[in-house]
PDB file of all heavy atoms in Angstrom:
ATOM      1  N   SER A   1       0.806  -1.228   0.000  1.00  0.00           N
ATOM      2  CA  SER A   1       0.000   0.000   0.000  1.00  0.00           C
ATOM      3  C   SER A   1       0.832   1.268   0.000  1.00  0.00           C
ATOM      4  O   SER A   1       0.316   2.337   0.199  1.00  0.00           O
ATOM      5  CB  SER A   1      -0.918   0.004   1.224  1.00  0.00           C
ATOM      6  OG  SER A   1      -0.144  -0.025   2.408  1.00  0.00           O
ATOM      7  N   GLY A   2       2.125   1.154  -0.208  1.00  0.00           N
ATOM      8  CA  GLY A   2       2.953   2.344  -0.298  1.00  0.00           C
ATOM      9  C   GLY A   2       4.066   2.338   0.726  1.00  0.00           C
ATOM     10  O   GLY A   2       4.102   1.511   1.624  1.00  0.00           O
ATOM     11  N   THR A   3       4.988   3.256   0.589  1.00  0.00           N
ATOM     12  CA  THR A   3       6.132   3.339   1.487  1.00  0.00           C
ATOM     13  C   THR A   3       5.755   4.043   2.778  1.00  0.00           C
ATOM     14  O   THR A   3       5.208   5.132   2.755  1.00  0.00           O
ATOM     15  CB  THR A   3       7.285   4.110   0.811  1.00  0.00           C
ATOM     16  OG1 THR A   3       7.609   3.466  -0.412  1.00  0.00           O
ATOM     17  CG2 THR A   3       8.505   4.137   1.720  1.00  0.00           C
ATOM     18  N   ARG A   4       6.045   3.394   3.893  1.00  0.00           N
ATOM     19  CA  ARG A   4       5.782   4.027   5.175  1.00  0.00           C
ATOM     20  C   ARG A   4       6.826   5.106   5.428  1.00  0.00           C
ATOM     21  O   ARG A   4       7.985   4.982   5.060  1.00  0.00           O
ATOM     22  CB  ARG A   4       5.827   2.979   6.290  1.00  0.00           C
ATOM     23  CG  ARG A   4       4.610   2.074   6.276  1.00  0.00           C
ATOM     24  CD  ARG A   4       4.679   1.020   7.371  1.00  0.00           C
ATOM     25  NE  ARG A   4       5.755   0.083   7.131  1.00  0.00           N
ATOM     26  CZ  ARG A   4       6.795  -0.085   7.939  1.00  0.00           C
ATOM     27  NH1 ARG A   4       6.899   0.649   9.027  1.00  0.00           N
ATOM     28  NH2 ARG A   4       7.733  -0.963   7.675  1.00  0.00           N
ATOM     29  N   LYS A   5       6.403   6.182   6.068  1.00  0.00           N
ATOM     30  CA  LYS A   5       7.288   7.312   6.307  1.00  0.00           C
ATOM     31  C   LYS A   5       8.351   6.984   7.353  1.00  0.00           C
ATOM     32  O   LYS A   5       9.450   7.514   7.311  1.00  0.00           O
ATOM     33  CB  LYS A   5       6.467   8.527   6.762  1.00  0.00           C
ATOM     34  CG  LYS A   5       5.370   8.939   5.788  1.00  0.00           C
ATOM     35  CD  LYS A   5       5.942   9.419   4.476  1.00  0.00           C
ATOM     36  CE  LYS A   5       4.875  10.038   3.592  1.00  0.00           C
ATOM     37  NZ  LYS A   5       3.745   9.180   3.278  1.00  0.00           N
ATOM     38  N   ILE A   6       8.011   6.137   8.313  1.00  0.00           N
ATOM     39  CA  ILE A   6       8.918   5.822   9.402  1.00  0.00           C
ATOM     40  C   ILE A   6       8.941   4.317   9.616  1.00  0.00           C
ATOM     41  O   ILE A   6       7.885   3.672   9.679  1.00  0.00           O
ATOM     42  CB  ILE A   6       8.493   6.521  10.713  1.00  0.00           C
ATOM     43  CG1 ILE A   6       8.661   8.033  10.582  1.00  0.00           C
ATOM     44  CG2 ILE A   6       9.306   6.010  11.901  1.00  0.00           C
ATOM     45  CD1 ILE A   6       8.190   8.818  11.786  1.00  0.00           C
ATOM     46  N   SER A   7      10.125   3.764   9.718  1.00  0.00           N
ATOM     47  CA  SER A   7      10.288   2.349  10.044  1.00  0.00           C
ATOM     48  C   SER A   7      10.780   2.226  11.475  1.00  0.00           C
ATOM     49  O   SER A   7      11.602   3.016  11.930  1.00  0.00           O
ATOM     50  CB  SER A   7      11.305   1.687   9.093  1.00  0.00           C
ATOM     51  OG  SER A   7      10.830   1.690   7.767  1.00  0.00           O
ATOM     52  N   LYS A   8      10.256   1.251  12.196  1.00  0.00           N
ATOM     53  CA  LYS A   8      10.660   1.024  13.586  1.00  0.00           C
ATOM     54  C   LYS A   8      11.279  -0.365  13.682  1.00  0.00           C
ATOM     55  O   LYS A   8      10.583  -1.378  13.551  1.00  0.00           O
ATOM     56  CB  LYS A   8       9.458   1.165  14.512  1.00  0.00           C
ATOM     57  CG  LYS A   8       8.929   2.588  14.601  1.00  0.00           C
ATOM     58  CD  LYS A   8       7.684   2.686  15.456  1.00  0.00           C
ATOM     59  CE  LYS A   8       6.479   2.188  14.704  1.00  0.00           C
ATOM     60  NZ  LYS A   8       5.220   2.417  15.471  1.00  0.00           N
ATOM     61  N   ILE A   9      12.585  -0.399  13.884  1.00  0.00           N
ATOM     62  CA  ILE A   9      13.340  -1.650  13.892  1.00  0.00           C
ATOM     63  C   ILE A   9      14.075  -1.786  15.212  1.00  0.00           C
ATOM     64  O   ILE A   9      14.740  -0.848  15.652  1.00  0.00           O
ATOM     65  CB  ILE A   9      14.334  -1.713  12.716  1.00  0.00           C
ATOM     66  CG1 ILE A   9      13.575  -1.597  11.387  1.00  0.00           C
ATOM     67  CG2 ILE A   9      15.144  -2.992  12.758  1.00  0.00           C
ATOM     68  CD1 ILE A   9      14.468  -1.531  10.177  1.00  0.00           C
ATOM     69  N   TYR A  10      13.941  -2.940  15.836  1.00  0.00           N
ATOM     70  CA  TYR A  10      14.576  -3.203  17.119  1.00  0.00           C
ATOM     71  C   TYR A  10      15.470  -4.434  17.006  1.00  0.00           C
ATOM     72  O   TYR A  10      15.275  -5.275  16.128  1.00  0.00           O
ATOM     73  CB  TYR A  10      13.521  -3.491  18.198  1.00  0.00           C
ATOM     74  CG  TYR A  10      12.579  -2.358  18.491  1.00  0.00           C
ATOM     75  CD1 TYR A  10      11.566  -2.020  17.598  1.00  0.00           C
ATOM     76  CD2 TYR A  10      12.673  -1.637  19.666  1.00  0.00           C
ATOM     77  CE1 TYR A  10      10.681  -0.991  17.869  1.00  0.00           C
ATOM     78  CE2 TYR A  10      11.790  -0.602  19.954  1.00  0.00           C
ATOM     79  CZ  TYR A  10      10.803  -0.291  19.049  1.00  0.00           C
ATOM     80  OH  TYR A  10       9.930   0.728  19.316  1.00  0.00           O
ATOM     81  N   ARG A  11      16.430  -4.537  17.908  1.00  0.00           N
ATOM     82  CA  ARG A  11      17.200  -5.763  18.077  1.00  0.00           C
ATOM     83  C   ARG A  11      16.989  -6.267  19.496  1.00  0.00           C
ATOM     84  O   ARG A  11      16.975  -5.470  20.432  1.00  0.00           O
ATOM     85  CB  ARG A  11      18.687  -5.536  17.807  1.00  0.00           C
ATOM     86  CG  ARG A  11      19.001  -5.338  16.335  1.00  0.00           C
ATOM     87  CD  ARG A  11      20.494  -5.260  16.094  1.00  0.00           C
ATOM     88  NE  ARG A  11      20.795  -5.105  14.691  1.00  0.00           N
ATOM     89  CZ  ARG A  11      22.027  -5.028  14.188  1.00  0.00           C
ATOM     90  NH1 ARG A  11      23.060  -5.098  15.008  1.00  0.00           N
ATOM     91  NH2 ARG A  11      22.220  -4.914  12.897  1.00  0.00           N
ATOM     92  N   ALA A  12      16.816  -7.556  19.640  1.00  0.00           N
ATOM     93  CA  ALA A  12      16.545  -8.111  20.962  1.00  0.00           C
ATOM     94  C   ALA A  12      17.183  -9.486  21.082  1.00  0.00           C
ATOM     95  O   ALA A  12      17.294 -10.223  20.093  1.00  0.00           O
ATOM     96  CB  ALA A  12      15.048  -8.221  21.196  1.00  0.00           C
ATOM     97  N   LEU A  13      17.583  -9.821  22.279  1.00  0.00           N
ATOM     98  CA  LEU A  13      18.124 -11.138  22.588  1.00  0.00           C
ATOM     99  C   LEU A  13      17.012 -11.931  23.258  1.00  0.00           C
ATOM    100  O   LEU A  13      16.471 -11.501  24.284  1.00  0.00           O
ATOM    101  CB  LEU A  13      19.332 -11.008  23.522  1.00  0.00           C
ATOM    102  CG  LEU A  13      20.244 -12.229  23.653  1.00  0.00           C
ATOM    103  CD1 LEU A  13      20.846 -12.611  22.306  1.00  0.00           C
ATOM    104  CD2 LEU A  13      21.343 -11.956  24.665  1.00  0.00           C
ATOM    105  N   VAL A  14      16.644 -13.066  22.676  1.00  0.00           N
ATOM    106  CA  VAL A  14      15.514 -13.834  23.183  1.00  0.00           C
ATOM    107  C   VAL A  14      15.964 -15.209  23.651  1.00  0.00           C
ATOM    108  O   VAL A  14      17.012 -15.725  23.234  1.00  0.00           O
ATOM    109  CB  VAL A  14      14.421 -13.990  22.107  1.00  0.00           C
ATOM    110  CG1 VAL A  14      13.921 -12.627  21.655  1.00  0.00           C
ATOM    111  CG2 VAL A  14      14.936 -14.794  20.911  1.00  0.00           C
ATOM    112  N   THR A  15      15.169 -15.806  24.503  1.00  0.00           N
ATOM    113  CA  THR A  15      15.477 -17.142  25.003  1.00  0.00           C
ATOM    114  C   THR A  15      15.151 -18.191  23.942  1.00  0.00           C
ATOM    115  O   THR A  15      14.194 -18.044  23.176  1.00  0.00           O
ATOM    116  CB  THR A  15      14.675 -17.442  26.269  1.00  0.00           C
ATOM    117  OG1 THR A  15      13.276 -17.315  25.977  1.00  0.00           O
ATOM    118  CG2 THR A  15      15.038 -16.480  27.389  1.00  0.00           C
ATOM    119  N   GLY A  16      15.947 -19.240  23.904  1.00  0.00           N
ATOM    120  CA  GLY A  16      15.706 -20.329  22.978  1.00  0.00           C
ATOM    121  C   GLY A  16      16.262 -20.060  21.591  1.00  0.00           C
ATOM    122  O   GLY A  16      16.743 -18.963  21.280  1.00  0.00           O
ATOM    123  N   ILE A  17      16.197 -21.080  20.749  1.00  0.00           N
ATOM    124  CA  ILE A  17      16.716 -21.000  19.385  1.00  0.00           C
ATOM    125  C   ILE A  17      15.554 -20.980  18.398  1.00  0.00           C
ATOM    126  O   ILE A  17      14.761 -21.930  18.341  1.00  0.00           O
ATOM    127  CB  ILE A  17      17.636 -22.203  19.073  1.00  0.00           C
ATOM    128  CG1 ILE A  17      18.764 -22.301  20.094  1.00  0.00           C
ATOM    129  CG2 ILE A  17      18.189 -22.092  17.659  1.00  0.00           C
ATOM    130  CD1 ILE A  17      19.682 -21.101  20.134  1.00  0.00           C
ATOM    131  N   LEU A  18      15.423 -19.883  17.650  1.00  0.00           N
ATOM    132  CA  LEU A  18      14.406 -19.810  16.605  1.00  0.00           C
ATOM    133  C   LEU A  18      14.819 -20.691  15.441  1.00  0.00           C
ATOM    134  O   LEU A  18      15.947 -20.587  14.942  1.00  0.00           O
ATOM    135  CB  LEU A  18      14.217 -18.366  16.117  1.00  0.00           C
ATOM    136  CG  LEU A  18      13.158 -17.536  16.869  1.00  0.00           C
ATOM    137  CD1 LEU A  18      13.695 -17.121  18.233  1.00  0.00           C
ATOM    138  CD2 LEU A  18      12.770 -16.313  16.068  1.00  0.00           C
ATOM    139  N   VAL A  19      13.917 -21.540  14.989  1.00  0.00           N
ATOM    140  CA  VAL A  19      14.220 -22.453  13.891  1.00  0.00           C
ATOM    141  C   VAL A  19      14.170 -21.727  12.555  1.00  0.00           C
ATOM    142  O   VAL A  19      15.084 -21.842  11.733  1.00  0.00           O
ATOM    143  CB  VAL A  19      13.239 -23.646  13.889  1.00  0.00           C
ATOM    144  CG1 VAL A  19      13.508 -24.551  12.680  1.00  0.00           C
ATOM    145  CG2 VAL A  19      13.360 -24.435  15.185  1.00  0.00           C
ATOM    146  N   ASP A  20      13.107 -20.960  12.329  1.00  0.00           N
ATOM    147  CA  ASP A  20      12.945 -20.257  11.055  1.00  0.00           C
ATOM    148  C   ASP A  20      13.772 -18.979  11.039  1.00  0.00           C
ATOM    149  O   ASP A  20      13.898 -18.281  12.052  1.00  0.00           O
ATOM    150  CB  ASP A  20      11.475 -19.915  10.829  1.00  0.00           C
ATOM    151  CG  ASP A  20      10.607 -21.163  10.713  1.00  0.00           C
ATOM    152  OD1 ASP A  20      11.124 -22.183  10.205  1.00  0.00           O
ATOM    153  OD2 ASP A  20       9.445 -21.121  11.143  1.00  0.00           O
ATOM    154  N   ASP A  21      14.321 -18.650   9.871  1.00  0.00           N
ATOM    155  CA  ASP A  21      15.111 -17.425   9.742  1.00  0.00           C
ATOM    156  C   ASP A  21      14.234 -16.175   9.810  1.00  0.00           C
ATOM    157  O   ASP A  21      14.687 -15.120  10.276  1.00  0.00           O
ATOM    158  CB  ASP A  21      15.893 -17.430   8.422  1.00  0.00           C
ATOM    159  CG  ASP A  21      16.982 -18.486   8.414  1.00  0.00           C
ATOM    160  OD1 ASP A  21      17.452 -18.869   9.506  1.00  0.00           O
ATOM    161  OD2 ASP A  21      17.370 -18.922   7.315  1.00  0.00           O
ATOM    162  N   LYS A  22      12.998 -16.298   9.344  1.00  0.00           N
ATOM    163  CA  LYS A  22      12.080 -15.167   9.362  1.00  0.00           C
ATOM    164  C   LYS A  22      10.713 -15.626   9.843  1.00  0.00           C
ATOM    165  O   LYS A  22      10.239 -16.699   9.465  1.00  0.00           O
ATOM    166  CB  LYS A  22      11.954 -14.529   7.975  1.00  0.00           C
ATOM    167  CG  LYS A  22      13.249 -13.893   7.461  1.00  0.00           C
ATOM    168  CD  LYS A  22      13.036 -13.208   6.130  1.00  0.00           C
ATOM    169  CE  LYS A  22      14.326 -12.532   5.646  1.00  0.00           C
ATOM    170  NZ  LYS A  22      14.125 -11.831   4.346  1.00  0.00           N
ATOM    171  N   VAL A  23      10.095 -14.805  10.689  1.00  0.00           N
ATOM    172  CA  VAL A  23       8.779 -15.112  11.236  1.00  0.00           C
ATOM    173  C   VAL A  23       7.923 -13.850  11.203  1.00  0.00           C
ATOM    174  O   VAL A  23       8.391 -12.776  11.591  1.00  0.00           O
ATOM    175  CB  VAL A  23       8.868 -15.621  12.693  1.00  0.00           C
ATOM    176  CG1 VAL A  23       7.470 -15.935  13.227  1.00  0.00           C
ATOM    177  CG2 VAL A  23       9.770 -16.845  12.786  1.00  0.00           C
ATOM    178  N   ILE A  24       6.701 -13.976  10.726  1.00  0.00           N
ATOM    179  CA  ILE A  24       5.751 -12.868  10.760  1.00  0.00           C
ATOM    180  C   ILE A  24       4.703 -13.168  11.818  1.00  0.00           C
ATOM    181  O   ILE A  24       4.076 -14.232  11.798  1.00  0.00           O
ATOM    182  CB  ILE A  24       5.080 -12.651   9.391  1.00  0.00           C
ATOM    183  CG1 ILE A  24       6.114 -12.190   8.357  1.00  0.00           C
ATOM    184  CG2 ILE A  24       3.953 -11.609   9.503  1.00  0.00           C
ATOM    185  CD1 ILE A  24       5.542 -11.943   6.977  1.00  0.00           C
ATOM    186  N   ILE A  25       4.518 -12.236  12.744  1.00  0.00           N
ATOM    187  CA  ILE A  25       3.568 -12.413  13.842  1.00  0.00           C
ATOM    188  C   ILE A  25       2.466 -11.376  13.686  1.00  0.00           C
ATOM    189  O   ILE A  25       2.733 -10.169  13.681  1.00  0.00           O
ATOM    190  CB  ILE A  25       4.253 -12.238  15.212  1.00  0.00           C
ATOM    191  CG1 ILE A  25       5.535 -13.076  15.288  1.00  0.00           C
ATOM    192  CG2 ILE A  25       3.299 -12.615  16.348  1.00  0.00           C
ATOM    193  CD1 ILE A  25       6.381 -12.769  16.503  1.00  0.00           C
TER     194      ILE A  25
END
């Protein structure tokens, strides 16, 4: 639907090992 004016990107250390390289929640 178009380019968003602002992107919000965080980095976090989480417990456990994520299997998938990318996940959409």
